[in-house]
Amino acid sequence: MGLDDPLPIQYVEWIGNFLRGDWGVSLVSGENIRERFLAKMPYSFSIGIIGILMGAFFAFFLGYRAALNRSGLCDRLTTAMTIFCQSIPMFIVSILIINAFGVRLGIASFFTGDGRYSIIAAILLTAIYSLGGLSRVVRSAFREEMGKSYVKFMVSRGFEPKTVLWKHAYKPPLASLVSAVITRFAGVFGGSTVLEFAFAIPGLSTMLVSAMDSRDYSILQTYILVVVIWMFFVHMILNLVLQMLGARRDA
């Protein structure tokens, strides 16, 4: 196993094998780690990526409407959603959804069939719990733009504030939204643990918890490296987006 080699050499050899597609085997079950990861990645990816992107998409429009009318309906809605997401744990909402739609109404079967209801519910919850905080980020950025001289000048010339914000002041709020989304993408793998357990989804998070419980270090170190590679590409792609928007992000 190469355990008699110095630790730096062991680490370099392990990363080299990883890049060649050899991720090793589980110390507990003896299964091929690469095959297990590739089988479970689609579940965690679909929950995390689709949920966060949905939340960010609607957060931009909701934050824009909230900025136009302080203390209006959308502004109160974003505040209420933020408080709701911060005060009520996701697993409680998951249990309520399972009880309401799966037990009482019998509309969805969360633990039988192909699992599409579980995936849909997990994606929607991820989007909802991302929507509140992200919409407040967009709202604050739009309010900041409303106080700048070029917006005030255009409004004084007779242009409607909503038109000025939508056509000329959207880039800074969009850049703020992208910056906020970067941090949320870190939870694509481990952030859906509660949802995967609640809805019995066989994703990476459930595998991670099982590996931690059994001290399966080969799976844990592979998981950490996968997260590092994932966040490297997330930062690279979204920083390119920020550059396209003309924003400078200090890291």
Protein backbone atom coordinates (compact mmCIF):
# COMPACT_ATOMS: atom_id res chain seq x y z
CA MET A 1 0.00 0.00 0.00
CA GLY A 2 3.04 2.28 0.07
CA LEU A 3 2.58 3.16 3.74
CA ASP A 4 6.32 2.82 4.35
CA ASP A 5 7.00 5.80 2.04
CA PRO A 6 7.24 9.37 3.39
CA LEU A 7 3.89 11.17 3.64
CA PRO A 8 4.62 13.69 0.84
CA ILE A 9 5.45 10.84 -1.54
CA GLN A 10 2.31 8.95 -0.52
CA TYR A 11 0.21 12.05 -1.14
CA VAL A 12 1.73 12.77 -4.55
CA GLU A 13 1.31 9.15 -5.64
CA TRP A 14 -2.29 9.13 -4.45
CA ILE A 15 -3.14 12.32 -6.37
CA GLY A 16 -1.38 10.92 -9.44
CA ASN A 17 -3.48 7.77 -9.26
CA PHE A 18 -6.57 9.92 -8.73
CA LEU A 19 -5.90 11.93 -11.88
CA ARG A 20 -5.40 8.70 -13.83
CA GLY A 21 -8.83 7.47 -12.69
CA ASP A 22 -7.68 5.17 -9.90
CA TRP A 23 -9.47 6.48 -6.80
CA GLY A 24 -8.75 3.41 -4.70
CA VAL A 25 -11.13 1.10 -2.88
CA SER A 26 -13.18 1.43 0.27
CA LEU A 27 -11.41 0.25 3.39
CA VAL A 28 -14.71 -1.13 4.74
CA SER A 29 -16.57 -2.62 1.80
CA GLY A 30 -13.77 -3.01 -0.73
CA GLU A 31 -15.87 -1.31 -3.43
CA ASN A 32 -14.34 0.83 -6.14
CA ILE A 33 -14.56 4.43 -4.88
CA ARG A 34 -14.69 5.98 -8.35
CA GLU A 35 -17.67 3.86 -9.36
CA ARG A 36 -19.49 4.72 -6.13
CA PHE A 37 -18.86 8.44 -6.59
CA LEU A 38 -19.97 8.48 -10.22
CA ALA A 39 -23.13 6.57 -9.30
CA LYS A 40 -24.08 9.00 -6.53
CA MET A 41 -22.90 12.32 -8.00
CA PRO A 42 -25.99 12.90 -10.21
CA TYR A 43 -28.26 12.94 -7.15
CA SER A 44 -26.24 15.50 -5.20
CA PHE A 45 -25.48 17.55 -8.31
CA SER A 46 -29.12 17.74 -9.36
CA ILE A 47 -30.21 18.82 -5.88
CA GLY A 48 -27.43 21.33 -5.29
CA ILE A 49 -26.81 22.89 -8.70
CA ILE A 50 -30.39 23.05 -9.97
CA GLY A 51 -31.72 24.21 -6.60
CA ILE A 52 -29.14 26.98 -6.21
CA LEU A 53 -29.52 28.17 -9.82
CA MET A 54 -33.30 28.24 -9.47
CA GLY A 55 -33.02 30.20 -6.25
CA ALA A 56 -30.56 32.66 -7.78
CA PHE A 57 -32.72 33.15 -10.88
CA PHE A 58 -35.85 34.06 -8.95
CA ALA A 59 -33.84 35.95 -6.32
CA PHE A 60 -32.65 38.44 -8.94
CA PHE A 61 -36.17 39.36 -10.04
CA LEU A 62 -37.57 39.33 -6.51
CA GLY A 63 -34.72 41.48 -5.22
CA TYR A 64 -35.23 43.89 -8.12
CA ARG A 65 -38.92 44.31 -7.29
CA ALA A 66 -38.13 44.64 -3.58
CA ALA A 67 -35.66 47.46 -4.29
CA LEU A 68 -38.19 49.47 -6.28
CA ASN A 69 -40.70 49.72 -3.46
CA ARG A 70 -39.33 49.80 0.07
CA SER A 71 -41.67 48.15 2.56
CA GLY A 72 -43.74 46.92 -0.37
CA LEU A 73 -45.06 43.41 -0.93
CA CYS A 74 -41.87 42.00 -2.47
CA ASP A 75 -39.69 43.70 0.13
CA ARG A 76 -41.73 42.21 2.95
CA LEU A 77 -41.75 38.84 1.20
CA THR A 78 -37.95 38.71 0.93
CA THR A 79 -37.62 39.67 4.59
CA ALA A 80 -40.14 37.03 5.63
CA MET A 81 -38.42 34.34 3.55
CA THR A 82 -35.04 35.22 5.01
CA ILE A 83 -36.36 35.02 8.57
CA PHE A 84 -38.20 31.80 7.76
CA CYS A 85 -35.10 30.11 6.35
CA GLN A 86 -32.96 31.22 9.29
CA SER A 87 -35.42 30.24 12.01
CA ILE A 88 -36.92 26.97 10.75
CA PRO A 89 -34.52 24.08 10.04
CA MET A 90 -34.81 22.40 6.67
CA PHE A 91 -35.42 18.95 8.14
CA ILE A 92 -38.61 20.16 9.86
CA VAL A 93 -39.99 21.45 6.56
CA SER A 94 -38.97 18.17 4.91
CA ILE A 95 -40.90 16.15 7.50
CA LEU A 96 -43.96 18.39 7.09
CA ILE A 97 -43.87 17.96 3.30
CA ILE A 98 -43.58 14.19 3.59
CA ASN A 99 -46.44 14.09 6.10
CA ALA A 100 -48.69 16.41 4.09
CA PHE A 101 -48.17 15.20 0.51
CA GLY A 102 -47.05 11.65 1.14
CA VAL A 103 -49.11 10.52 4.15
CA ARG A 104 -52.24 12.65 4.44
CA LEU A 105 -52.96 13.58 0.82
CA GLY A 106 -51.24 10.61 -0.80
CA ILE A 107 -50.20 12.69 -3.80
CA ALA A 108 -46.53 11.73 -3.85
CA SER A 109 -44.65 8.55 -2.97
CA PHE A 110 -41.35 9.68 -1.53
CA PHE A 111 -39.89 6.31 -0.53
CA THR A 112 -41.13 4.09 -3.35
CA GLY A 113 -40.94 4.19 -7.12
CA ASP A 114 -38.18 5.94 -9.06
CA GLY A 115 -37.67 8.66 -6.45
CA ARG A 116 -38.56 11.60 -8.70
CA TYR A 117 -40.84 13.13 -6.07
CA SER A 118 -38.02 13.06 -3.55
CA ILE A 119 -35.63 14.72 -6.01
CA ILE A 120 -38.18 17.39 -6.95
CA ALA A 121 -38.98 18.16 -3.31
CA ALA A 122 -35.27 18.39 -2.42
CA ILE A 123 -34.57 20.72 -5.36
CA LEU A 124 -37.48 23.00 -4.47
CA LEU A 125 -36.42 23.18 -0.83
CA THR A 126 -32.85 24.00 -1.83
CA ALA A 127 -34.15 26.77 -4.11
CA ILE A 128 -36.45 28.19 -1.44
CA TYR A 129 -33.75 28.21 1.22
CA SER A 130 -31.41 29.98 -1.22
CA LEU A 131 -34.01 32.46 -2.43
CA GLY A 132 -34.45 34.53 0.73
CA GLY A 133 -30.83 35.42 1.42
CA LEU A 134 -29.87 35.89 -2.24
CA SER A 135 -32.85 38.16 -2.91
CA ARG A 136 -31.78 40.43 -0.04
CA VAL A 137 -28.29 40.63 -1.55
CA VAL A 138 -29.78 41.72 -4.88
CA ARG A 139 -32.15 44.13 -3.18
CA SER A 140 -29.32 45.82 -1.27
CA ALA A 141 -27.22 46.11 -4.43
CA PHE A 142 -30.08 47.70 -6.37
CA ARG A 143 -30.78 50.13 -3.52
CA GLU A 144 -27.11 51.11 -3.55
CA GLU A 145 -27.28 51.79 -7.30
CA MET A 146 -30.39 53.91 -6.82
CA GLY A 147 -28.35 56.29 -4.69
CA LYS A 148 -25.68 56.84 -7.33
CA SER A 149 -25.49 59.98 -9.42
CA TYR A 150 -26.05 58.44 -12.85
CA VAL A 151 -29.32 56.83 -11.73
CA LYS A 152 -30.52 60.02 -10.05
CA PHE A 153 -29.62 62.00 -13.18
CA MET A 154 -31.59 59.71 -15.48
CA VAL A 155 -34.58 59.69 -13.14
CA SER A 156 -34.48 63.50 -12.98
CA ARG A 157 -34.68 63.58 -16.78
CA GLY A 158 -37.98 61.74 -16.67
CA PHE A 159 -37.01 58.08 -16.96
CA GLU A 160 -38.85 55.69 -14.67
CA PRO A 161 -36.70 54.20 -11.88
CA LYS A 162 -37.63 50.63 -12.83
CA THR A 163 -36.50 51.22 -16.42
CA VAL A 164 -33.22 52.80 -15.33
CA LEU A 165 -32.44 49.97 -12.92
CA TRP A 166 -33.42 47.22 -15.32
CA LYS A 167 -31.59 48.53 -18.38
CA HIS A 168 -28.61 50.42 -16.97
CA ALA A 169 -27.97 49.37 -13.36
CA TYR A 170 -28.35 45.61 -13.46
CA LYS A 171 -24.67 44.64 -13.70
CA PRO A 172 -23.52 45.50 -10.13
CA PRO A 173 -26.47 43.66 -8.50
CA LEU A 174 -25.91 40.71 -10.83
CA ALA A 175 -22.23 40.67 -9.87
CA SER A 176 -23.20 40.72 -6.19
CA LEU A 177 -25.53 37.80 -6.81
CA VAL A 178 -22.82 35.80 -8.58
CA SER A 179 -20.38 36.48 -5.72
CA ALA A 180 -22.95 35.25 -3.20
CA VAL A 181 -23.69 32.15 -5.28
CA ILE A 182 -20.00 31.15 -5.28
CA THR A 183 -20.07 30.47 -1.55
CA ARG A 184 -23.30 28.50 -1.82
CA PHE A 185 -21.84 26.18 -4.44
CA ALA A 186 -19.46 24.89 -1.78
CA GLY A 187 -22.45 23.12 -0.23
CA VAL A 188 -23.46 21.23 -3.38
CA PHE A 189 -21.89 18.03 -2.04
CA GLY A 190 -22.34 18.27 1.72
CA GLY A 191 -25.11 20.86 1.99
CA SER A 192 -27.85 18.44 0.96
CA THR A 193 -27.17 15.93 3.74
CA VAL A 194 -30.41 16.65 5.59
CA LEU A 195 -32.49 16.44 2.41
CA GLU A 196 -30.86 13.22 1.27
CA PHE A 197 -31.56 11.57 4.61
CA ALA A 198 -35.08 12.98 4.89
CA PHE A 199 -36.15 11.87 1.41
CA ALA A 200 -33.98 8.70 1.28
CA ILE A 201 -31.92 9.95 -1.68
CA PRO A 202 -28.76 7.87 -2.26
CA GLY A 203 -26.43 10.82 -2.85
CA LEU A 204 -22.88 11.69 -1.86
CA SER A 205 -23.90 13.18 1.48
CA THR A 206 -25.33 9.92 2.77
CA MET A 207 -22.19 8.12 1.61
CA LEU A 208 -20.05 10.73 3.38
CA VAL A 209 -21.87 10.32 6.68
CA SER A 210 -21.56 6.54 6.47
CA ALA A 211 -17.84 6.86 5.71
CA MET A 212 -17.36 9.15 8.72
CA ASP A 213 -19.23 6.73 10.94
CA SER A 214 -17.10 3.77 9.82
CA ARG A 215 -13.86 5.80 9.55
CA ASP A 216 -13.45 4.92 5.89
CA TYR A 217 -10.58 7.35 5.30
CA SER A 218 -10.07 6.46 1.65
CA ILE A 219 -13.57 7.72 0.84
CA LEU A 220 -13.16 10.81 3.02
CA GLN A 221 -9.92 11.94 1.40
CA THR A 222 -11.38 11.34 -2.06
CA TYR A 223 -14.42 13.38 -1.11
CA ILE A 224 -12.25 16.29 0.08
CA LEU A 225 -10.21 16.30 -3.14
CA VAL A 226 -13.36 16.19 -5.27
CA VAL A 227 -14.75 19.20 -3.39
CA VAL A 228 -11.45 21.07 -3.89
CA ILE A 229 -11.50 20.38 -7.64
CA TRP A 230 -15.18 21.32 -7.84
CA MET A 231 -14.67 24.66 -6.08
CA PHE A 232 -11.63 25.41 -8.25
CA PHE A 233 -13.74 25.17 -11.39
CA VAL A 234 -16.64 27.03 -9.75
CA HIS A 235 -14.35 29.94 -8.83
CA MET A 236 -12.72 29.93 -12.25
CA ILE A 237 -16.00 29.97 -14.20
CA LEU A 238 -17.86 32.44 -12.00
CA ASN A 239 -14.86 34.78 -11.79
CA LEU A 240 -14.92 34.86 -15.60
CA VAL A 241 -18.58 35.79 -15.36
CA LEU A 242 -17.70 38.58 -12.92
CA GLN A 243 -15.06 39.87 -15.32
CA MET A 244 -17.63 39.90 -18.12
CA LEU A 245 -19.89 41.96 -15.87
CA GLY A 246 -17.04 44.40 -15.26
CA ALA A 247 -16.82 43.59 -11.56
CA ARG A 248 -13.59 43.17 -9.63
CA ARG A 249 -13.65 40.59 -6.88
CA ASP A 250 -10.84 40.52 -4.37
CA ALA A 251 -10.02 37.02 -3.20
